[in-house]
Structures are given as C-alpha cells and as structure tokens.
Amino acid sequence: MRRRAQGDTPKSGYTSVMCIICVELAKQAMTPSEARRALREMTKLDKDHVAEVEAKLRQAEADAATTKP
C-alpha cells in the first residue's frame, strides 16, 4: 500500500495536518455559522490560515445558499 505524501488530499477532502475547522467543514459536520464561531475562539492560527479558513467559509456559505430549497 502506498503511503500518502503530506500534500496529498484523500477522497474525504481533508488531510491529517488540517485544523479542526477545516476538517469539520470538509466532512460537512459543521455549518458555516458554527465554523465562524469556532474560528473566533481559535487563538493560535496564523493570519494566512485564518484567511484560508475565511475563504472556505465564504465558499461553504455560497454553496449552502445555492442548495437551499
């Protein structure tokens, strides 16, 4: 069995080095509003990753808005 390189993304959409917010968003186990609340509570994320999480949140919110009945 081939070992996954650190940069490889598995079918689930997350890797073992992602923050919990990114993991839960990728699994759709957290809503965008829950993720925003969790992001406000995170104190040790660098600015680049905060920007990345915010972009993922905007995308999740846009996806949710287009899939509402």
PDB file of N, CA and C in Angstrom:
ATOM      1  N   MET A   1       0.839  -1.181   0.000  1.00  0.00           N
ATOM      2  CA  MET A   1       0.000   0.000   0.000  1.00  0.00           C
ATOM      3  C   MET A   1       0.886   1.247   0.000  1.00  0.00           C
ATOM      4  N   ARG A   2       0.560   2.179  -0.863  1.00  0.00           N
ATOM      5  CA  ARG A   2       1.336   3.407  -0.992  1.00  0.00           C
ATOM      6  C   ARG A   2       1.007   4.351   0.149  1.00  0.00           C
ATOM      7  N   ARG A   3       2.040   4.908   0.762  1.00  0.00           N
ATOM      8  CA  ARG A   3       1.824   5.918   1.802  1.00  0.00           C
ATOM      9  C   ARG A   3       1.496   7.245   1.153  1.00  0.00           C
ATOM     10  N   ARG A   4       0.595   7.953   1.747  1.00  0.00           N
ATOM     11  CA  ARG A   4       0.176   9.240   1.213  1.00  0.00           C
ATOM     12  C   ARG A   4       1.198  10.303   1.595  1.00  0.00           C
ATOM     13  N   ALA A   5       1.611  11.086   0.627  1.00  0.00           N
ATOM     14  CA  ALA A   5       2.521  12.197   0.895  1.00  0.00           C
ATOM     15  C   ALA A   5       1.765  13.271   1.664  1.00  0.00           C
ATOM     16  N   GLN A   6       2.477  14.105   2.378  1.00  0.00           N
ATOM     17  CA  GLN A   6       1.835  15.116   3.221  1.00  0.00           C
ATOM     18  C   GLN A   6       0.919  16.031   2.418  1.00  0.00           C
ATOM     19  N   GLY A   7       1.251  16.358   1.191  1.00  0.00           N
ATOM     20  CA  GLY A   7       0.441  17.269   0.390  1.00  0.00           C
ATOM     21  C   GLY A   7      -0.735  16.612  -0.300  1.00  0.00           C
ATOM     22  N   ASP A   8      -0.787  15.273  -0.324  1.00  0.00           N
ATOM     23  CA  ASP A   8      -1.885  14.573  -0.973  1.00  0.00           C
ATOM     24  C   ASP A   8      -3.176  14.772  -0.200  1.00  0.00           C
ATOM     25  N   THR A   9      -4.266  14.972  -0.916  1.00  0.00           N
ATOM     26  CA  THR A   9      -5.568  15.118  -0.290  1.00  0.00           C
ATOM     27  C   THR A   9      -6.364  13.851  -0.540  1.00  0.00           C
ATOM     28  N   PRO A  10      -6.824  13.179   0.512  1.00  0.00           N
ATOM     29  CA  PRO A  10      -7.605  11.965   0.327  1.00  0.00           C
ATOM     30  C   PRO A  10      -8.986  12.282  -0.216  1.00  0.00           C
ATOM     31  N   LYS A  11      -9.742  11.245  -0.567  1.00  0.00           N
ATOM     32  CA  LYS A  11     -11.075  11.433  -1.131  1.00  0.00           C
ATOM     33  C   LYS A  11     -11.991  12.230  -0.218  1.00  0.00           C
ATOM     34  N   SER A  12     -11.754  12.157   1.083  1.00  0.00           N
ATOM     35  CA  SER A  12     -12.608  12.869   2.030  1.00  0.00           C
ATOM     36  C   SER A  12     -12.434  14.380   1.962  1.00  0.00           C
ATOM     37  N   GLY A  13     -11.354  14.872   1.361  1.00  0.00           N
ATOM     38  CA  GLY A  13     -11.155  16.307   1.214  1.00  0.00           C
ATOM     39  C   GLY A  13     -10.355  16.949   2.323  1.00  0.00           C
ATOM     40  N   TYR A  14      -9.847  16.175   3.244  1.00  0.00           N
ATOM     41  CA  TYR A  14      -9.023  16.744   4.303  1.00  0.00           C
ATOM     42  C   TYR A  14      -7.802  15.876   4.552  1.00  0.00           C
ATOM     43  N   THR A  15      -6.804  16.463   5.167  1.00  0.00           N
ATOM     44  CA  THR A  15      -5.571  15.745   5.474  1.00  0.00           C
ATOM     45  C   THR A  15      -5.350  15.741   6.977  1.00  0.00           C
ATOM     46  N   SER A  16      -4.378  14.975   7.425  1.00  0.00           N
ATOM     47  CA  SER A  16      -4.113  14.859   8.858  1.00  0.00           C
ATOM     48  C   SER A  16      -3.478  16.104   9.447  1.00  0.00           C
ATOM     49  N   VAL A  17      -3.086  17.059   8.613  1.00  0.00           N
ATOM     50  CA  VAL A  17      -2.439  18.260   9.124  1.00  0.00           C
ATOM     51  C   VAL A  17      -3.345  19.486   9.075  1.00  0.00           C
ATOM     52  N   MET A  18      -4.630  19.286   8.848  1.00  0.00           N
ATOM     53  CA  MET A  18      -5.571  20.397   8.781  1.00  0.00           C
ATOM     54  C   MET A  18      -6.114  20.733  10.167  1.00  0.00           C
ATOM     55  N   CYS A  19      -6.540  21.971  10.360  1.00  0.00           N
ATOM     56  CA  CYS A  19      -7.141  22.355  11.633  1.00  0.00           C
ATOM     57  C   CYS A  19      -8.539  21.749  11.730  1.00  0.00           C
ATOM     58  N   ILE A  20      -9.063  21.687  12.935  1.00  0.00           N
ATOM     59  CA  ILE A  20     -10.354  21.039  13.173  1.00  0.00           C
ATOM     60  C   ILE A  20     -11.491  21.723  12.419  1.00  0.00           C
ATOM     61  N   ILE A  21     -11.415  23.029  12.241  1.00  0.00           N
ATOM     62  CA  ILE A  21     -12.461  23.732  11.499  1.00  0.00           C
ATOM     63  C   ILE A  21     -12.474  23.266  10.045  1.00  0.00           C
ATOM     64  N   CYS A  22     -11.303  23.185   9.430  1.00  0.00           N
ATOM     65  CA  CYS A  22     -11.216  22.743   8.042  1.00  0.00           C
ATOM     66  C   CYS A  22     -11.690  21.297   7.892  1.00  0.00           C
ATOM     67  N   VAL A  23     -11.302  20.456   8.842  1.00  0.00           N
ATOM     68  CA  VAL A  23     -11.708  19.046   8.799  1.00  0.00           C
ATOM     69  C   VAL A  23     -13.223  18.931   8.884  1.00  0.00           C
ATOM     70  N   GLU A  24     -13.811  19.613   9.853  1.00  0.00           N
ATOM     71  CA  GLU A  24     -15.257  19.514  10.042  1.00  0.00           C
ATOM     72  C   GLU A  24     -16.026  20.125   8.874  1.00  0.00           C
ATOM     73  N   LEU A  25     -15.521  21.202   8.288  1.00  0.00           N
ATOM     74  CA  LEU A  25     -16.166  21.767   7.096  1.00  0.00           C
ATOM     75  C   LEU A  25     -16.082  20.797   5.926  1.00  0.00           C
ATOM     76  N   ALA A  26     -14.931  20.161   5.750  1.00  0.00           N
ATOM     77  CA  ALA A  26     -14.760  19.216   4.654  1.00  0.00           C
ATOM     78  C   ALA A  26     -15.699  18.021   4.804  1.00  0.00           C
ATOM     79  N   LYS A  27     -15.939  17.603   6.025  1.00  0.00           N
ATOM     80  CA  LYS A  27     -16.846  16.480   6.276  1.00  0.00           C
ATOM     81  C   LYS A  27     -18.302  16.932   6.307  1.00  0.00           C
ATOM     82  N   GLN A  28     -18.541  18.215   6.209  1.00  0.00           N
ATOM     83  CA  GLN A  28     -19.862  18.825   6.320  1.00  0.00           C
ATOM     84  C   GLN A  28     -20.505  18.480   7.659  1.00  0.00           C
ATOM     85  N   ALA A  29     -19.664  18.388   8.694  1.00  0.00           N
ATOM     86  CA  ALA A  29     -20.134  18.091  10.038  1.00  0.00           C
ATOM     87  C   ALA A  29     -20.316  19.371  10.847  1.00  0.00           C
ATOM     88  N   MET A  30     -19.988  20.501  10.235  1.00  0.00           N
ATOM     89  CA  MET A  30     -20.093  21.795  10.895  1.00  0.00           C
ATOM     90  C   MET A  30     -20.687  22.770   9.891  1.00  0.00           C
ATOM     91  N   THR A  31     -21.649  23.554  10.345  1.00  0.00           N
ATOM     92  CA  THR A  31     -22.230  24.564   9.447  1.00  0.00           C
ATOM     93  C   THR A  31     -21.284  25.752   9.354  1.00  0.00           C
ATOM     94  N   PRO A  32     -21.441  26.562   8.325  1.00  0.00           N
ATOM     95  CA  PRO A  32     -20.592  27.755   8.227  1.00  0.00           C
ATOM     96  C   PRO A  32     -20.709  28.667   9.451  1.00  0.00           C
ATOM     97  N   SER A  33     -21.914  28.820  10.019  1.00  0.00           N
ATOM     98  CA  SER A  33     -22.047  29.683  11.194  1.00  0.00           C
ATOM     99  C   SER A  33     -21.348  29.071  12.413  1.00  0.00           C
ATOM    100  N   GLU A  34     -21.407  27.748  12.572  1.00  0.00           N
ATOM    101  CA  GLU A  34     -20.669  27.089  13.654  1.00  0.00           C
ATOM    102  C   GLU A  34     -19.169  27.259  13.452  1.00  0.00           C
ATOM    103  N   ALA A  35     -18.733  27.153  12.205  1.00  0.00           N
ATOM    104  CA  ALA A  35     -17.309  27.300  11.901  1.00  0.00           C
ATOM    105  C   ALA A  35     -16.835  28.721  12.178  1.00  0.00           C
ATOM    106  N   ARG A  36     -17.654  29.716  11.850  1.00  0.00           N
ATOM    107  CA  ARG A  36     -17.280  31.106  12.151  1.00  0.00           C
ATOM    108  C   ARG A  36     -17.138  31.319  13.656  1.00  0.00           C
ATOM    109  N   ARG A  37     -18.054  30.741  14.414  1.00  0.00           N
ATOM    110  CA  ARG A  37     -17.977  30.858  15.870  1.00  0.00           C
ATOM    111  C   ARG A  37     -16.704  30.190  16.381  1.00  0.00           C
ATOM    112  N   ALA A  38     -16.398  29.012  15.863  1.00  0.00           N
ATOM    113  CA  ALA A  38     -15.184  28.306  16.281  1.00  0.00           C
ATOM    114  C   ALA A  38     -13.928  29.082  15.887  1.00  0.00           C
ATOM    115  N   LEU A  39     -13.952  29.710  14.726  1.00  0.00           N
ATOM    116  CA  LEU A  39     -12.797  30.485  14.275  1.00  0.00           C
ATOM    117  C   LEU A  39     -12.525  31.659  15.211  1.00  0.00           C
ATOM    118  N   ARG A  40     -13.579  32.296  15.699  1.00  0.00           N
ATOM    119  CA  ARG A  40     -13.402  33.398  16.652  1.00  0.00           C
ATOM    120  C   ARG A  40     -12.739  32.915  17.937  1.00  0.00           C
ATOM    121  N   GLU A  41     -12.945  31.639  18.284  1.00  0.00           N
ATOM    122  CA  GLU A  41     -12.377  31.098  19.519  1.00  0.00           C
ATOM    123  C   GLU A  41     -10.938  30.615  19.351  1.00  0.00           C
ATOM    124  N   MET A  42     -10.503  30.424  18.115  1.00  0.00           N
ATOM    125  CA  MET A  42      -9.142  29.935  17.863  1.00  0.00           C
ATOM    126  C   MET A  42      -8.166  31.086  18.068  1.00  0.00           C
ATOM    127  N   THR A  43      -7.164  30.874  18.894  1.00  0.00           N
ATOM    128  CA  THR A  43      -6.227  31.943  19.206  1.00  0.00           C
ATOM    129  C   THR A  43      -4.844  31.721  18.609  1.00  0.00           C
ATOM    130  N   LYS A  44      -4.541  30.517  18.162  1.00  0.00           N
ATOM    131  CA  LYS A  44      -3.184  30.222  17.721  1.00  0.00           C
ATOM    132  C   LYS A  44      -3.083  29.924  16.231  1.00  0.00           C
ATOM    133  N   LEU A  45      -3.967  30.472  15.432  1.00  0.00           N
ATOM    134  CA  LEU A  45      -3.881  30.301  13.982  1.00  0.00           C
ATOM    135  C   LEU A  45      -3.137  31.492  13.392  1.00  0.00           C
ATOM    136  N   ASP A  46      -2.289  31.209  12.408  1.00  0.00           N
ATOM    137  CA  ASP A  46      -1.590  32.333  11.778  1.00  0.00           C
ATOM    138  C   ASP A  46      -2.523  33.044  10.802  1.00  0.00           C
ATOM    139  N   LYS A  47      -2.157  34.252  10.441  1.00  0.00           N
ATOM    140  CA  LYS A  47      -3.020  35.096   9.599  1.00  0.00           C
ATOM    141  C   LYS A  47      -3.309  34.456   8.250  1.00  0.00           C
ATOM    142  N   ASP A  48      -2.330  33.760   7.689  1.00  0.00           N
ATOM    143  CA  ASP A  48      -2.541  33.128   6.390  1.00  0.00           C
ATOM    144  C   ASP A  48      -3.605  32.039   6.477  1.00  0.00           C
ATOM    145  N   HIS A  49      -3.553  31.253   7.552  1.00  0.00           N
ATOM    146  CA  HIS A  49      -4.543  30.189   7.676  1.00  0.00           C
ATOM    147  C   HIS A  49      -5.927  30.758   7.997  1.00  0.00           C
ATOM    148  N   VAL A  50      -5.991  31.809   8.771  1.00  0.00           N
ATOM    149  CA  VAL A  50      -7.281  32.456   9.039  1.00  0.00           C
ATOM    150  C   VAL A  50      -7.902  32.919   7.724  1.00  0.00           C
ATOM    151  N   ALA A  51      -7.098  33.499   6.851  1.00  0.00           N
ATOM    152  CA  ALA A  51      -7.596  33.937   5.539  1.00  0.00           C
ATOM    153  C   ALA A  51      -8.075  32.738   4.726  1.00  0.00           C
ATOM    154  N   GLU A  52      -7.355  31.623   4.800  1.00  0.00           N
ATOM    155  CA  GLU A  52      -7.757  30.410   4.085  1.00  0.00           C
ATOM    156  C   GLU A  52      -9.088  29.874   4.626  1.00  0.00           C
ATOM    157  N   VAL A  53      -9.242  29.851   5.939  1.00  0.00           N
ATOM    158  CA  VAL A  53     -10.486  29.381   6.553  1.00  0.00           C
ATOM    159  C   VAL A  53     -11.635  30.306   6.170  1.00  0.00           C
ATOM    160  N   GLU A  54     -11.406  31.603   6.176  1.00  0.00           N
ATOM    161  CA  GLU A  54     -12.456  32.545   5.801  1.00  0.00           C
ATOM    162  C   GLU A  54     -12.891  32.340   4.350  1.00  0.00           C
ATOM    163  N   ALA A  55     -11.948  32.041   3.474  1.00  0.00           N
ATOM    164  CA  ALA A  55     -12.295  31.756   2.081  1.00  0.00           C
ATOM    165  C   ALA A  55     -13.140  30.482   1.990  1.00  0.00           C
ATOM    166  N   LYS A  56     -12.774  29.466   2.762  1.00  0.00           N
ATOM    167  CA  LYS A  56     -13.563  28.226   2.781  1.00  0.00           C
ATOM    168  C   LYS A  56     -14.962  28.488   3.323  1.00  0.00           C
ATOM    169  N   LEU A  57     -15.057  29.361   4.316  1.00  0.00           N
ATOM    170  CA  LEU A  57     -16.365  29.700   4.873  1.00  0.00           C
ATOM    171  C   LEU A  57     -17.235  30.430   3.851  1.00  0.00           C
ATOM    172  N   ARG A  58     -16.638  31.372   3.128  1.00  0.00           N
ATOM    173  CA  ARG A  58     -17.402  32.085   2.086  1.00  0.00           C
ATOM    174  C   ARG A  58     -17.905  31.097   1.033  1.00  0.00           C
ATOM    175  N   GLN A  59     -17.057  30.139   0.657  1.00  0.00           N
ATOM    176  CA  GLN A  59     -17.458  29.144  -0.337  1.00  0.00           C
ATOM    177  C   GLN A  59     -18.572  28.249   0.222  1.00  0.00           C
ATOM    178  N   ALA A  60     -18.445  27.828   1.468  1.00  0.00           N
ATOM    179  CA  ALA A  60     -19.477  26.986   2.088  1.00  0.00           C
ATOM    180  C   ALA A  60     -20.802  27.726   2.185  1.00  0.00           C
ATOM    181  N   GLU A  61     -20.751  29.013   2.514  1.00  0.00           N
ATOM    182  CA  GLU A  61     -21.967  29.816   2.590  1.00  0.00           C
ATOM    183  C   GLU A  61     -22.600  29.977   1.210  1.00  0.00           C
ATOM    184  N   ALA A  62     -21.775  30.189   0.197  1.00  0.00           N
ATOM    185  CA  ALA A  62     -22.291  30.311  -1.170  1.00  0.00           C
ATOM    186  C   ALA A  62     -22.913  28.993  -1.628  1.00  0.00           C
ATOM    187  N   ASP A  63     -22.253  27.888  -1.295  1.00  0.00           N
ATOM    188  CA  ASP A  63     -22.789  26.569  -1.660  1.00  0.00           C
ATOM    189  C   ASP A  63     -24.122  26.310  -0.955  1.00  0.00           C
ATOM    190  N   ALA A  64     -24.205  26.690   0.321  1.00  0.00           N
ATOM    191  CA  ALA A  64     -25.427  26.492   1.079  1.00  0.00           C
ATOM    192  C   ALA A  64     -26.564  27.350   0.517  1.00  0.00           C
ATOM    193  N   ALA A  65     -26.238  28.548   0.076  1.00  0.00           N
ATOM    194  CA  ALA A  65     -27.265  29.447  -0.463  1.00  0.00           C
ATOM    195  C   ALA A  65     -27.824  28.929  -1.788  1.00  0.00           C
ATOM    196  N   THR A  66     -26.992  28.266  -2.568  1.00  0.00           N
ATOM    197  CA  THR A  66     -27.465  27.767  -3.866  1.00  0.00           C
ATOM    198  C   THR A  66     -28.175  26.425  -3.760  1.00  0.00           C
ATOM    199  N   THR A  67     -28.031  25.719  -2.641  1.00  0.00           N
ATOM    200  CA  THR A  67     -28.664  24.410  -2.498  1.00  0.00           C
ATOM    201  C   THR A  67     -29.909  24.455  -1.630  1.00  0.00           C
ATOM    202  N   LYS A  68     -30.283  25.638  -1.121  1.00  0.00           N
ATOM    203  CA  LYS A  68     -31.496  25.738  -0.310  1.00  0.00           C
ATOM    204  C   LYS A  68     -32.716  25.522  -1.205  1.00  0.00           C
ATOM    205  N   PRO A  69     -33.730  24.807  -0.678  1.00  0.00           N
ATOM    206  CA  PRO A  69     -34.940  24.565  -1.490  1.00  0.00           C
ATOM    207  C   PRO A  69     -35.779  25.791  -1.697  1.00  0.00           C
TER     208      PRO A  69
END
